[in-house]
């Protein structure tokens, strides 16, 4: 009977050890799950920031397009002004020539 008691005690001890090991494994699994949840949250935040950066880049692109359009308008106005000045110079030269002839 003593052998059976010893085997039962050893079996109980083994079950307790296995139970303790499973408890440690479960704690590690829960810790890993918590880390995965944090990573998932962080990934979501990164996605949100990426979207905001993309929106900002698109807005800057639109501003750059508008600035280029305004620059073209200024260049066109400057060319018109230069043409008007050249015409005035020509008219002044013609007037001077007319006055000199008189």
Protein backbone atom coordinates (compact mmCIF):
# COMPACT_ATOMS: atom_id res chain seq x y z
CA UNK A 1 0.00 0.00 0.00
CA UNK A 2 2.91 2.25 0.68
CA UNK A 3 4.06 2.01 -2.96
CA UNK A 4 0.63 3.06 -4.15
CA UNK A 5 0.60 6.02 -1.77
CA UNK A 6 4.00 7.06 -2.99
CA UNK A 7 2.87 6.81 -6.62
CA UNK A 8 -0.29 8.75 -5.89
CA UNK A 9 1.73 11.43 -4.11
CA UNK A 10 4.12 11.57 -7.05
CA UNK A 11 1.15 11.78 -9.45
CA UNK A 12 -0.42 14.60 -7.42
CA UNK A 13 2.89 16.43 -7.35
CA UNK A 14 3.25 16.00 -11.11
CA UNK A 15 -0.28 17.32 -11.68
CA UNK A 16 0.47 20.31 -9.45
CA UNK A 17 3.69 20.99 -11.39
CA UNK A 18 1.87 20.73 -14.71
CA UNK A 19 -0.90 22.99 -13.42
CA UNK A 20 1.69 25.54 -12.34
CA UNK A 21 3.40 25.35 -15.73
CA UNK A 22 0.07 25.83 -17.51
CA UNK A 23 -0.62 28.84 -15.28
CA UNK A 24 2.72 30.33 -16.31
CA UNK A 25 1.97 29.58 -19.97
CA UNK A 26 -1.46 31.25 -19.67
CA UNK A 27 0.10 34.32 -18.07
CA UNK A 28 2.55 34.51 -20.97
CA UNK A 29 -0.28 34.07 -23.47
CA UNK A 30 -2.25 36.88 -21.81
CA UNK A 31 0.85 39.10 -21.79
CA UNK A 32 1.42 38.36 -25.49
CA UNK A 33 -2.24 39.11 -26.21
CA UNK A 34 -1.94 42.43 -24.37
CA UNK A 35 1.15 43.31 -26.42
CA UNK A 36 -0.70 42.38 -29.63
CA UNK A 37 -3.58 44.64 -28.60
CA UNK A 38 -1.12 47.49 -28.00
CA UNK A 39 0.48 46.86 -31.39
CA UNK A 40 -2.92 46.82 -33.06
CA UNK A 41 -3.80 50.12 -31.41
CA UNK A 42 -0.45 51.63 -32.39
CA UNK A 43 -0.89 50.43 -35.96
CA UNK A 44 -4.30 52.09 -36.07
CA UNK A 45 -2.78 55.32 -34.78
CA UNK A 46 -0.03 55.12 -37.39
CA UNK A 47 -2.66 54.63 -40.08
CA UNK A 48 -4.48 57.71 -38.79
CA UNK A 49 -1.29 59.76 -38.83
CA UNK A 50 -0.43 58.48 -42.29
CA UNK A 51 -3.83 59.61 -43.54
CA UNK A 52 -3.30 63.05 -41.98
CA UNK A 53 0.14 63.32 -43.58
CA UNK A 54 -1.35 62.33 -46.94
CA UNK A 55 -4.06 64.98 -46.56
CA UNK A 56 -1.42 67.59 -45.70
CA UNK A 57 0.68 66.65 -48.72
CA UNK A 58 -2.38 66.88 -50.95
CA UNK A 59 -3.24 70.29 -49.48
CA UNK A 60 0.33 71.49 -50.04
CA UNK A 61 0.17 70.20 -53.60
CA UNK A 62 -3.00 72.21 -54.18
CA UNK A 63 -1.38 75.33 -52.72
CA UNK A 64 1.64 74.80 -54.99
CA UNK A 65 -0.66 74.49 -58.01
CA UNK A 66 -2.43 77.72 -57.05
CA UNK A 67 0.90 79.49 -56.56
CA UNK A 68 2.03 78.31 -59.99
CA UNK A 69 -1.22 79.58 -61.52
CA UNK A 70 -0.76 82.97 -59.84
CA UNK A 71 2.84 83.11 -61.06
CA UNK A 72 1.64 82.47 -64.60
CA UNK A 73 -0.93 85.27 -64.25
CA UNK A 74 1.77 87.65 -62.97
CA UNK A 75 4.06 86.67 -65.84
CA UNK A 76 1.28 87.28 -68.37
CA UNK A 77 0.46 90.66 -66.81
CA UNK A 78 4.16 91.59 -66.86
CA UNK A 79 4.39 90.68 -70.53
CA UNK A 80 1.34 92.83 -71.29
CA UNK A 81 2.85 95.69 -69.31
CA UNK A 82 6.14 95.33 -71.18
CA UNK A 83 4.29 95.37 -74.51
CA UNK A 84 2.45 98.54 -73.43
CA UNK A 85 5.73 100.17 -72.40
CA UNK A 86 7.31 99.24 -75.74
CA UNK A 87 4.31 100.70 -77.55
CA UNK A 88 4.59 103.92 -75.52
CA UNK A 89 8.30 104.15 -76.35
CA UNK A 90 7.48 103.73 -80.04
CA UNK A 91 4.73 106.36 -79.85
CA UNK A 92 7.08 108.74 -78.04
CA UNK A 93 9.73 108.20 -80.70
CA UNK A 94 7.16 108.85 -83.44
CA UNK A 95 5.97 111.99 -81.66
CA UNK A 96 9.54 113.22 -81.29
CA UNK A 97 10.17 112.56 -84.98
CA UNK A 98 6.98 114.43 -85.92
CA UNK A 99 7.89 117.39 -83.72
CA UNK A 100 11.44 117.42 -85.14
CA UNK A 101 10.06 117.53 -88.69
CA UNK A 102 7.87 120.49 -87.93
